[in-house]
């Protein structure tokens, strides 16, 4: 009987781990639909904390997708110049701003940049991520271990695919789509 209970406990513990593997932590609302996001606090704790703090305080609401390259990624998160409902909104400066908080140190991991990956945008300095992030449309292995992956879209990627694309060379978007809201589930 004890052996049966032990096997039963181990079996259901493994099932529980599997069921929580794709736990939805965040809901990103776009005009096209809801996007469910799983976060990786064990791989990028500081990036996840910053992302959740900005999301839950409404800092990402109404922020535009300023750089969107078809077949590559959609970038957003400039809370300084990218909030389309703010008096500081400036489409010519979106992508150059961050937040009043210090930049984050890189948290590179073994997680691959594949379709749906959320990763921290940065300058050439690996430790310059602040508020901006991008979502990959397709696999981008050249970014692996070069950018801090902190989450992944687990449902609603078809709505991310609908985000207005930018110039094929620069990715800059005129009249860009925006985040309607981004909150913890």
N, C-alpha and C. Protein backbone atom coordinates (compact mmCIF):
# COMPACT_ATOMS: atom_id res chain seq x y z
N UNK A 1 0.82 -1.20 0.00
CA UNK A 1 0.00 0.00 0.00
C UNK A 1 0.86 1.26 0.00
N UNK A 2 1.93 1.22 0.81
CA UNK A 2 2.82 2.39 0.87
C UNK A 2 3.47 2.64 -0.49
N UNK A 3 3.86 1.54 -1.14
CA UNK A 3 4.47 1.68 -2.47
C UNK A 3 3.47 2.29 -3.45
N UNK A 4 2.22 1.86 -3.41
CA UNK A 4 1.18 2.40 -4.28
C UNK A 4 0.98 3.89 -4.01
N UNK A 5 0.90 4.29 -2.75
CA UNK A 5 0.73 5.70 -2.41
C UNK A 5 1.91 6.54 -2.89
N UNK A 6 3.11 6.00 -2.74
CA UNK A 6 4.30 6.70 -3.20
C UNK A 6 4.25 6.91 -4.72
N UNK A 7 3.92 5.86 -5.46
CA UNK A 7 3.83 5.96 -6.93
C UNK A 7 2.72 6.93 -7.30
N UNK A 8 1.58 6.84 -6.62
CA UNK A 8 0.47 7.75 -6.86
C UNK A 8 0.91 9.20 -6.65
N UNK A 9 1.60 9.47 -5.55
CA UNK A 9 2.07 10.82 -5.22
C UNK A 9 3.05 11.33 -6.28
N UNK A 10 4.01 10.51 -6.66
CA UNK A 10 4.99 10.90 -7.67
C UNK A 10 4.31 11.17 -9.01
N UNK A 11 3.41 10.29 -9.41
CA UNK A 11 2.69 10.44 -10.67
C UNK A 11 1.93 11.77 -10.73
N UNK A 12 1.15 12.06 -9.69
CA UNK A 12 0.37 13.29 -9.69
C UNK A 12 1.22 14.53 -9.49
N UNK A 13 2.34 14.39 -8.84
CA UNK A 13 3.28 15.52 -8.74
C UNK A 13 3.83 15.87 -10.11
N UNK A 14 4.17 14.83 -10.88
CA UNK A 14 4.68 15.07 -12.24
C UNK A 14 3.61 15.69 -13.12
N UNK A 15 2.39 15.22 -13.02
CA UNK A 15 1.29 15.80 -13.80
C UNK A 15 1.12 17.26 -13.42
N UNK A 16 1.15 17.58 -12.15
CA UNK A 16 0.99 18.95 -11.69
C UNK A 16 2.10 19.84 -12.24
N UNK A 17 3.33 19.35 -12.25
CA UNK A 17 4.44 20.12 -12.81
C UNK A 17 4.19 20.37 -14.29
N UNK A 18 3.74 19.34 -15.01
CA UNK A 18 3.45 19.51 -16.44
C UNK A 18 2.32 20.48 -16.68
N UNK A 19 1.27 20.43 -15.86
CA UNK A 19 0.15 21.34 -16.05
C UNK A 19 0.55 22.78 -15.82
N UNK A 20 1.50 23.02 -14.94
CA UNK A 20 1.94 24.38 -14.65
C UNK A 20 3.05 24.85 -15.58
N UNK A 21 3.52 23.99 -16.46
CA UNK A 21 4.64 24.35 -17.33
C UNK A 21 4.31 25.54 -18.22
N UNK A 22 3.07 25.64 -18.69
CA UNK A 22 2.66 26.77 -19.52
C UNK A 22 1.70 27.68 -18.78
N UNK A 23 2.05 28.03 -17.58
CA UNK A 23 1.19 28.88 -16.76
C UNK A 23 1.14 30.29 -17.35
N UNK A 24 -0.06 30.79 -17.54
CA UNK A 24 -0.24 32.13 -18.07
C UNK A 24 -0.10 33.11 -16.92
N UNK A 25 0.86 34.02 -17.04
CA UNK A 25 1.09 35.01 -16.01
C UNK A 25 0.54 36.38 -16.38
N UNK A 26 0.48 36.68 -17.68
CA UNK A 26 0.13 38.02 -18.14
C UNK A 26 -0.87 37.94 -19.29
N UNK A 27 -1.69 39.00 -19.39
CA UNK A 27 -2.62 39.14 -20.52
C UNK A 27 -2.29 40.46 -21.21
N UNK A 28 -1.90 40.36 -22.47
CA UNK A 28 -1.62 41.52 -23.32
C UNK A 28 -2.84 41.71 -24.22
N UNK A 29 -3.49 42.86 -24.11
CA UNK A 29 -4.65 43.13 -24.95
C UNK A 29 -4.23 44.03 -26.11
N UNK A 30 -4.49 43.52 -27.31
CA UNK A 30 -4.28 44.26 -28.54
C UNK A 30 -5.65 44.51 -29.16
N UNK A 31 -5.73 45.39 -30.13
CA UNK A 31 -7.03 45.63 -30.76
C UNK A 31 -7.52 44.38 -31.50
N UNK A 32 -6.63 43.46 -31.77
CA UNK A 32 -6.98 42.25 -32.51
C UNK A 32 -7.45 41.11 -31.60
N UNK A 33 -7.05 41.14 -30.32
CA UNK A 33 -7.43 40.08 -29.39
C UNK A 33 -6.47 39.99 -28.22
N UNK A 34 -6.71 39.02 -27.35
CA UNK A 34 -5.91 38.81 -26.15
C UNK A 34 -4.75 37.86 -26.41
N UNK A 35 -3.60 38.22 -25.85
CA UNK A 35 -2.38 37.42 -25.96
C UNK A 35 -2.01 36.97 -24.55
N UNK A 36 -1.86 35.67 -24.36
CA UNK A 36 -1.49 35.12 -23.05
C UNK A 36 0.01 34.86 -23.02
N UNK A 37 0.63 35.30 -21.94
CA UNK A 37 2.10 35.25 -21.83
C UNK A 37 2.50 34.49 -20.58
N UNK A 38 3.46 33.60 -20.75
CA UNK A 38 4.10 32.89 -19.65
C UNK A 38 5.43 33.58 -19.39
N UNK A 39 5.75 33.84 -18.12
CA UNK A 39 7.02 34.48 -17.76
C UNK A 39 7.99 33.46 -17.18
N UNK A 40 9.29 33.79 -17.26
CA UNK A 40 10.36 32.90 -16.79
C UNK A 40 11.16 33.54 -15.66
N UNK A 41 10.58 33.66 -14.46
CA UNK A 41 11.29 34.32 -13.37
C UNK A 41 12.55 33.56 -12.92
N UNK A 42 12.58 32.25 -13.16
CA UNK A 42 13.75 31.47 -12.78
C UNK A 42 14.94 31.73 -13.71
N UNK A 43 14.68 32.21 -14.92
CA UNK A 43 15.74 32.48 -15.89
C UNK A 43 16.14 33.95 -15.94
N UNK A 44 15.18 34.84 -15.73
CA UNK A 44 15.45 36.28 -15.83
C UNK A 44 14.66 37.03 -14.74
N UNK A 45 15.00 36.81 -13.48
CA UNK A 45 14.19 37.38 -12.39
C UNK A 45 14.07 38.90 -12.41
N UNK A 46 15.12 39.60 -12.74
CA UNK A 46 15.06 41.06 -12.73
C UNK A 46 14.25 41.62 -13.89
N UNK A 47 14.37 40.98 -15.05
CA UNK A 47 13.58 41.41 -16.21
C UNK A 47 12.09 41.12 -15.99
N UNK A 48 11.78 39.96 -15.42
CA UNK A 48 10.39 39.62 -15.13
C UNK A 48 9.81 40.60 -14.12
N UNK A 49 10.56 40.91 -13.07
CA UNK A 49 10.07 41.84 -12.06
C UNK A 49 9.79 43.20 -12.67
N UNK A 50 10.71 43.72 -13.47
CA UNK A 50 10.52 45.03 -14.10
C UNK A 50 9.29 45.00 -15.02
N UNK A 51 9.18 43.95 -15.84
CA UNK A 51 8.07 43.80 -16.77
C UNK A 51 6.74 43.78 -16.02
N UNK A 52 6.67 42.99 -14.95
CA UNK A 52 5.43 42.90 -14.18
C UNK A 52 5.12 44.22 -13.48
N UNK A 53 6.14 44.86 -12.91
CA UNK A 53 5.92 46.14 -12.23
C UNK A 53 5.37 47.19 -13.20
N UNK A 54 5.99 47.30 -14.38
CA UNK A 54 5.52 48.27 -15.38
C UNK A 54 4.12 47.90 -15.87
N UNK A 55 3.89 46.62 -16.08
CA UNK A 55 2.58 46.17 -16.56
C UNK A 55 1.49 46.48 -15.55
N UNK A 56 1.71 46.06 -14.33
CA UNK A 56 0.67 46.19 -13.31
C UNK A 56 0.43 47.64 -12.89
N UNK A 57 1.40 48.51 -13.14
CA UNK A 57 1.20 49.94 -12.82
C UNK A 57 0.64 50.70 -14.02
N UNK A 58 0.39 49.99 -15.14
CA UNK A 58 -0.21 50.62 -16.32
C UNK A 58 0.77 51.36 -17.22
N UNK A 59 2.07 51.24 -16.96
CA UNK A 59 3.06 51.98 -17.76
C UNK A 59 3.10 51.53 -19.23
N UNK A 60 2.74 50.27 -19.50
CA UNK A 60 2.76 49.79 -20.88
C UNK A 60 1.45 50.06 -21.63
N UNK A 61 0.41 50.43 -20.92
CA UNK A 61 -0.87 50.71 -21.57
C UNK A 61 -0.72 51.88 -22.54
N UNK A 62 -1.18 51.71 -23.75
CA UNK A 62 -1.14 52.71 -24.83
C UNK A 62 0.25 52.95 -25.42
N UNK A 63 1.20 52.10 -25.09
CA UNK A 63 2.54 52.22 -25.67
C UNK A 63 2.55 51.54 -27.04
N UNK A 64 3.12 52.22 -28.03
CA UNK A 64 3.07 51.76 -29.42
C UNK A 64 4.15 50.72 -29.74
N UNK A 65 3.86 49.94 -30.77
CA UNK A 65 4.84 49.02 -31.36
C UNK A 65 5.58 49.84 -32.42
N UNK A 66 6.70 50.41 -32.04
CA UNK A 66 7.39 51.38 -32.89
C UNK A 66 8.30 50.76 -33.94
N UNK A 67 8.72 49.53 -33.74
CA UNK A 67 9.63 48.86 -34.68
C UNK A 67 9.10 47.46 -34.90
N UNK A 68 8.60 47.20 -36.11
CA UNK A 68 7.99 45.90 -36.40
C UNK A 68 8.51 45.44 -37.76
N UNK A 69 9.26 44.35 -37.73
CA UNK A 69 9.87 43.82 -38.96
C UNK A 69 9.22 42.48 -39.28
N UNK A 70 8.53 42.43 -40.41
CA UNK A 70 7.83 41.22 -40.84
C UNK A 70 8.80 40.04 -40.86
N UNK A 71 8.39 38.92 -40.28
CA UNK A 71 9.22 37.72 -40.26
C UNK A 71 10.30 37.74 -39.19
N UNK A 72 10.37 38.82 -38.39
CA UNK A 72 11.41 38.92 -37.36
C UNK A 72 10.79 39.19 -35.99
N UNK A 73 10.37 40.44 -35.74
CA UNK A 73 9.86 40.76 -34.41
C UNK A 73 9.06 42.06 -34.39
N UNK A 74 8.32 42.24 -33.26
CA UNK A 74 7.57 43.47 -32.98
C UNK A 74 8.12 44.04 -31.66
N UNK A 75 8.61 45.27 -31.71
CA UNK A 75 9.22 45.90 -30.54
C UNK A 75 8.33 47.01 -29.99
N UNK A 76 8.27 47.10 -28.66
CA UNK A 76 7.46 48.08 -27.95
C UNK A 76 8.11 48.36 -26.60
N UNK A 77 7.41 49.09 -25.74
CA UNK A 77 7.86 49.25 -24.37
C UNK A 77 8.57 50.54 -24.02
N UNK A 78 8.66 51.48 -24.96
CA UNK A 78 9.29 52.77 -24.65
C UNK A 78 8.29 53.59 -23.83
N UNK A 79 8.40 53.49 -22.51
CA UNK A 79 7.42 54.17 -21.64
C UNK A 79 7.67 55.67 -21.55
N UNK A 80 8.83 56.12 -22.00
CA UNK A 80 9.12 57.56 -21.97
C UNK A 80 8.48 58.31 -23.14
N UNK A 81 8.74 57.85 -24.36
CA UNK A 81 8.24 58.54 -25.55
C UNK A 81 7.15 57.79 -26.30
N UNK A 82 6.87 56.53 -25.92
CA UNK A 82 5.98 55.69 -26.71
C UNK A 82 4.54 55.60 -26.28
N UNK A 83 4.17 56.28 -25.18
CA UNK A 83 2.78 56.21 -24.72
C UNK A 83 1.95 57.18 -25.53
N UNK A 84 1.11 56.65 -26.40
CA UNK A 84 0.34 57.47 -27.34
C UNK A 84 -0.69 58.37 -26.65
N UNK A 85 -0.97 58.14 -25.38
CA UNK A 85 -1.92 58.99 -24.67
C UNK A 85 -1.21 59.98 -23.73
N UNK A 86 0.10 60.05 -23.81
CA UNK A 86 0.88 60.94 -22.95
C UNK A 86 1.29 62.21 -23.69
N UNK A 87 1.48 63.28 -22.96
CA UNK A 87 1.96 64.54 -23.57
C UNK A 87 3.40 64.41 -24.04
N UNK A 88 4.14 63.41 -23.55
CA UNK A 88 5.52 63.17 -23.97
C UNK A 88 5.63 62.29 -25.22
N UNK A 89 4.49 61.82 -25.73
CA UNK A 89 4.52 60.95 -26.91
C UNK A 89 5.16 61.69 -28.08
N UNK A 90 6.15 61.03 -28.68
CA UNK A 90 6.85 61.62 -29.81
C UNK A 90 7.30 60.48 -30.72
N UNK A 91 6.58 60.27 -31.82
CA UNK A 91 6.87 59.15 -32.71
C UNK A 91 8.29 59.19 -33.26
N UNK A 92 8.86 60.39 -33.42
CA UNK A 92 10.23 60.47 -33.93
C UNK A 92 11.26 60.06 -32.87
N UNK A 93 10.88 60.05 -31.60
CA UNK A 93 11.81 59.65 -30.53
C UNK A 93 11.51 58.26 -29.95
N UNK A 94 10.35 57.70 -30.30
CA UNK A 94 10.00 56.39 -29.76
C UNK A 94 11.08 55.39 -30.13
N UNK A 95 11.52 54.64 -29.14
CA UNK A 95 12.59 53.67 -29.34
C UNK A 95 13.90 54.15 -28.75
N UNK A 96 13.98 55.44 -28.42
CA UNK A 96 15.20 55.98 -27.82
C UNK A 96 15.07 56.15 -26.32
N UNK A 97 13.86 55.98 -25.80
CA UNK A 97 13.62 56.19 -24.38
C UNK A 97 13.51 54.89 -23.61
N UNK A 98 13.42 55.06 -22.31
CA UNK A 98 13.25 53.92 -21.42
C UNK A 98 12.35 54.35 -20.28
N UNK A 99 12.90 54.32 -19.08
CA UNK A 99 12.15 54.74 -17.90
C UNK A 99 13.10 55.51 -16.98
N UNK A 100 12.57 55.93 -15.84
CA UNK A 100 13.38 56.63 -14.85
C UNK A 100 14.22 55.66 -14.02
N UNK A 101 14.00 54.37 -14.18
CA UNK A 101 14.74 53.36 -13.42
C UNK A 101 16.06 53.04 -14.11
N UNK A 102 17.04 52.55 -13.35
CA UNK A 102 18.33 52.20 -13.97
C UNK A 102 18.19 51.02 -14.93
N UNK A 103 19.11 50.93 -15.87
CA UNK A 103 19.14 49.81 -16.80
C UNK A 103 19.36 48.50 -16.04
N UNK A 104 18.98 47.41 -16.67
CA UNK A 104 19.11 46.09 -16.08
C UNK A 104 20.36 45.38 -16.60
N UNK A 105 20.98 44.59 -15.73
CA UNK A 105 22.09 43.75 -16.17
C UNK A 105 21.53 42.60 -16.97
N UNK A 106 22.30 42.16 -17.95
CA UNK A 106 21.88 41.06 -18.81
C UNK A 106 21.61 39.80 -17.99
N UNK A 107 20.60 39.06 -18.39
CA UNK A 107 20.28 37.76 -17.80
C UNK A 107 20.14 36.76 -18.95
N UNK A 108 21.26 36.53 -19.63
CA UNK A 108 21.27 35.61 -20.76
C UNK A 108 21.04 34.19 -20.25
N UNK A 109 20.38 33.38 -21.07
CA UNK A 109 20.09 31.99 -20.68
C UNK A 109 20.17 31.09 -21.91
N UNK A 110 19.82 29.84 -21.69
CA UNK A 110 19.83 28.85 -22.77
C UNK A 110 18.49 28.80 -23.51
N UNK A 111 17.56 29.69 -23.19
CA UNK A 111 16.26 29.69 -23.86
C UNK A 111 16.43 30.30 -25.26
N UNK A 112 15.98 29.57 -26.25
CA UNK A 112 16.12 29.99 -27.64
C UNK A 112 15.09 31.07 -28.00
N UNK A 113 15.49 31.95 -28.90
CA UNK A 113 14.57 32.93 -29.47
C UNK A 113 13.80 32.22 -30.58
N UNK A 114 12.58 31.83 -30.26
CA UNK A 114 11.73 31.15 -31.23
C UNK A 114 10.43 31.93 -31.35
N UNK A 115 9.55 31.46 -32.18
CA UNK A 115 8.25 32.13 -32.38
C UNK A 115 7.57 32.35 -31.03
N UNK A 116 7.21 33.60 -30.75
CA UNK A 116 6.50 33.93 -29.52
C UNK A 116 7.38 34.34 -28.35
N UNK A 117 8.67 34.25 -28.48
CA UNK A 117 9.58 34.61 -27.39
C UNK A 117 9.49 36.10 -27.09
N UNK A 118 9.46 36.45 -25.78
CA UNK A 118 9.58 37.83 -25.33
C UNK A 118 11.01 38.02 -24.83
N UNK A 119 11.64 39.06 -25.30
CA UNK A 119 13.02 39.32 -24.95
C UNK A 119 13.22 40.81 -24.74
N UNK A 120 14.20 41.15 -23.92
CA UNK A 120 14.47 42.55 -23.61
C UNK A 120 15.24 43.22 -24.73
N UNK A 121 14.72 44.36 -25.20
CA UNK A 121 15.43 45.16 -26.20
C UNK A 121 16.53 45.94 -25.48
N UNK A 122 17.61 46.21 -26.18
CA UNK A 122 18.75 46.92 -25.59
C UNK A 122 19.56 47.58 -26.68
N UNK A 123 20.53 48.39 -26.27
CA UNK A 123 21.48 48.97 -27.23
C UNK A 123 22.61 47.97 -27.44
N UNK A 124 23.73 48.42 -27.95
CA UNK A 124 24.87 47.52 -28.13
C UNK A 124 25.48 47.06 -26.81
N UNK A 125 25.18 47.78 -25.73
CA UNK A 125 25.65 47.40 -24.40
C UNK A 125 24.72 46.30 -23.87
N UNK A 126 25.23 45.12 -23.59
CA UNK A 126 24.39 44.03 -23.10
C UNK A 126 23.63 44.36 -21.81
N UNK A 127 24.13 45.32 -21.05
CA UNK A 127 23.51 45.69 -19.77
C UNK A 127 22.70 46.98 -19.88
N UNK A 128 22.06 47.20 -21.02
CA UNK A 128 21.32 48.44 -21.23
C UNK A 128 19.81 48.26 -21.38
N UNK A 129 19.30 47.06 -21.13
CA UNK A 129 17.84 46.86 -21.21
C UNK A 129 17.18 47.67 -20.11
N UNK A 130 16.02 48.24 -20.43
CA UNK A 130 15.33 49.05 -19.44
C UNK A 130 13.83 48.72 -19.44
N UNK A 131 13.08 49.26 -20.38
CA UNK A 131 11.64 49.00 -20.41
C UNK A 131 11.19 48.35 -21.72
N UNK A 132 11.98 48.49 -22.77
CA UNK A 132 11.56 48.00 -24.08
C UNK A 132 11.75 46.49 -24.21
N UNK A 133 10.86 45.89 -24.98
CA UNK A 133 10.93 44.46 -25.24
C UNK A 133 10.42 44.17 -26.63
N UNK A 134 10.65 42.94 -27.09
CA UNK A 134 10.15 42.53 -28.39
C UNK A 134 9.61 41.12 -28.32
N UNK A 135 8.73 40.83 -29.28
CA UNK A 135 8.14 39.50 -29.43
C UNK A 135 8.55 38.99 -30.80
N UNK A 136 9.15 37.81 -30.83
CA UNK A 136 9.62 37.23 -32.09
C UNK A 136 8.46 36.65 -32.90
N UNK A 137 8.42 36.98 -34.19
CA UNK A 137 7.44 36.37 -35.11
C UNK A 137 7.90 34.98 -35.53
N UNK A 138 9.20 34.81 -35.65
CA UNK A 138 9.81 33.55 -36.09
C UNK A 138 11.06 33.30 -35.25
N UNK A 139 11.66 32.13 -35.41
CA UNK A 139 12.91 31.82 -34.71
C UNK A 139 13.99 32.82 -35.13
N UNK A 140 14.79 33.24 -34.17
CA UNK A 140 15.89 34.17 -34.42
C UNK A 140 17.12 33.69 -33.65
N UNK A 141 17.72 32.58 -34.10
CA UNK A 141 18.83 31.98 -33.35
C UNK A 141 20.05 32.88 -33.19
N UNK A 142 20.19 33.87 -34.08
CA UNK A 142 21.32 34.79 -33.97
C UNK A 142 21.22 35.67 -32.71
N UNK A 143 20.05 35.69 -32.06
CA UNK A 143 19.87 36.47 -30.82
C UNK A 143 20.11 35.63 -29.56
N UNK A 144 20.17 34.32 -29.72
CA UNK A 144 20.33 33.43 -28.56
C UNK A 144 21.59 33.78 -27.77
N UNK A 145 21.42 33.83 -26.45
CA UNK A 145 22.49 34.14 -25.49
C UNK A 145 23.08 35.54 -25.70
N UNK A 146 22.37 36.38 -26.45
CA UNK A 146 22.78 37.76 -26.68
C UNK A 146 21.77 38.76 -26.11
N UNK A 147 20.55 38.28 -25.88
CA UNK A 147 19.46 39.10 -25.34
C UNK A 147 18.79 38.32 -24.22
N UNK A 148 18.20 39.02 -23.27
CA UNK A 148 17.59 38.39 -22.11
C UNK A 148 16.14 37.98 -22.40
N UNK A 149 15.93 36.68 -22.57
CA UNK A 149 14.60 36.13 -22.77
C UNK A 149 13.91 36.06 -21.41
N UNK A 150 12.68 36.57 -21.32
CA UNK A 150 11.99 36.53 -20.04
C UNK A 150 10.56 36.00 -20.13
N UNK A 151 10.12 35.59 -21.31
CA UNK A 151 8.77 35.04 -21.42
C UNK A 151 8.46 34.53 -22.81
N UNK A 152 7.22 34.04 -22.96
CA UNK A 152 6.79 33.52 -24.25
C UNK A 152 5.28 33.60 -24.37
N UNK A 153 4.82 33.90 -25.57
CA UNK A 153 3.39 33.86 -25.88
C UNK A 153 2.97 32.39 -25.93
N UNK A 154 1.93 32.05 -25.15
CA UNK A 154 1.44 30.67 -25.14
C UNK A 154 0.05 30.56 -25.79
N UNK A 155 -0.58 31.71 -26.03
CA UNK A 155 -1.88 31.71 -26.72
C UNK A 155 -2.09 33.10 -27.31
N UNK A 156 -2.62 33.14 -28.53
CA UNK A 156 -2.94 34.42 -29.15
C UNK A 156 -1.84 34.97 -30.05
N UNK A 157 -0.89 34.13 -30.44
CA UNK A 157 0.19 34.61 -31.31
C UNK A 157 -0.37 35.10 -32.64
N UNK A 158 -1.53 34.59 -33.06
CA UNK A 158 -2.13 35.06 -34.31
C UNK A 158 -2.48 36.54 -34.23
N UNK A 159 -2.72 37.06 -33.02
CA UNK A 159 -3.01 38.49 -32.85
C UNK A 159 -1.73 39.32 -32.91
N UNK A 160 -0.64 38.75 -32.41
CA UNK A 160 0.67 39.42 -32.54
C UNK A 160 1.04 39.51 -34.02
N UNK A 161 0.76 38.46 -34.77
CA UNK A 161 1.05 38.44 -36.21
C UNK A 161 0.34 39.57 -36.95
N UNK A 162 -0.77 40.06 -36.40
CA UNK A 162 -1.57 41.10 -37.07
C UNK A 162 -1.06 42.51 -36.80
N UNK A 163 -0.10 42.68 -35.90
CA UNK A 163 0.42 44.01 -35.59
C UNK A 163 0.95 44.64 -36.87
N UNK A 164 0.63 45.92 -37.06
CA UNK A 164 1.02 46.64 -38.27
C UNK A 164 2.54 46.60 -38.43
N UNK A 165 2.97 46.18 -39.63
CA UNK A 165 4.40 46.06 -39.94
C UNK A 165 4.97 47.40 -40.36
N UNK A 166 6.27 47.54 -40.14
CA UNK A 166 6.96 48.77 -40.47
C UNK A 166 7.72 48.68 -41.78
N UNK A 167 8.55 49.68 -41.99
CA UNK A 167 9.42 49.74 -43.16
C UNK A 167 10.26 48.46 -43.23
N UNK A 168 10.37 47.83 -44.40
CA UNK A 168 11.12 46.57 -44.49
C UNK A 168 12.58 46.69 -44.06
N UNK A 169 13.17 47.88 -44.20
CA UNK A 169 14.58 48.04 -43.83
C UNK A 169 14.77 48.41 -42.36
N UNK A 170 14.08 49.44 -41.90
CA UNK A 170 14.28 49.94 -40.53
C UNK A 170 13.28 49.38 -39.54
N UNK A 171 12.12 48.96 -40.02
CA UNK A 171 11.08 48.48 -39.13
C UNK A 171 10.23 49.59 -38.54
N UNK A 172 10.60 50.86 -38.79
CA UNK A 172 9.83 51.97 -38.21
C UNK A 172 8.42 51.99 -38.78
N UNK A 173 7.47 52.28 -37.88
CA UNK A 173 6.05 52.19 -38.23
C UNK A 173 5.41 53.57 -38.14
N UNK A 174 4.75 53.98 -39.22
CA UNK A 174 3.94 55.20 -39.15
C UNK A 174 2.55 54.77 -38.72
N UNK A 175 1.90 55.54 -37.88
CA UNK A 175 0.58 55.21 -37.33
C UNK A 175 0.59 53.80 -36.73
N UNK A 176 1.45 53.56 -35.71
CA UNK A 176 1.63 52.20 -35.18
C UNK A 176 0.47 51.71 -34.32
N UNK A 177 0.35 50.38 -34.24
CA UNK A 177 -0.56 49.75 -33.30
C UNK A 177 0.01 49.94 -31.90
N UNK A 178 -0.85 49.72 -30.88
CA UNK A 178 -0.39 49.93 -29.52
C UNK A 178 -0.91 48.82 -28.60
N UNK A 179 -0.30 48.77 -27.43
CA UNK A 179 -0.76 47.90 -26.36
C UNK A 179 -2.00 48.58 -25.77
N UNK A 180 -3.12 47.89 -25.74
CA UNK A 180 -4.30 48.45 -25.08
C UNK A 180 -4.13 48.34 -23.57
N UNK A 181 -3.76 47.14 -23.13
CA UNK A 181 -3.43 46.94 -21.72
C UNK A 181 -2.54 45.71 -21.58
N UNK A 182 -1.80 45.69 -20.48
CA UNK A 182 -0.92 44.56 -20.17
C UNK A 182 -0.94 44.41 -18.66
N UNK A 183 -1.48 43.29 -18.19
CA UNK A 183 -1.67 43.09 -16.75
C UNK A 183 -1.39 41.65 -16.35
N UNK A 184 -1.07 41.47 -15.07
CA UNK A 184 -0.96 40.13 -14.52
C UNK A 184 -2.32 39.47 -14.51
N UNK A 185 -2.29 38.17 -14.71
CA UNK A 185 -3.54 37.42 -14.71
C UNK A 185 -3.97 37.17 -13.27
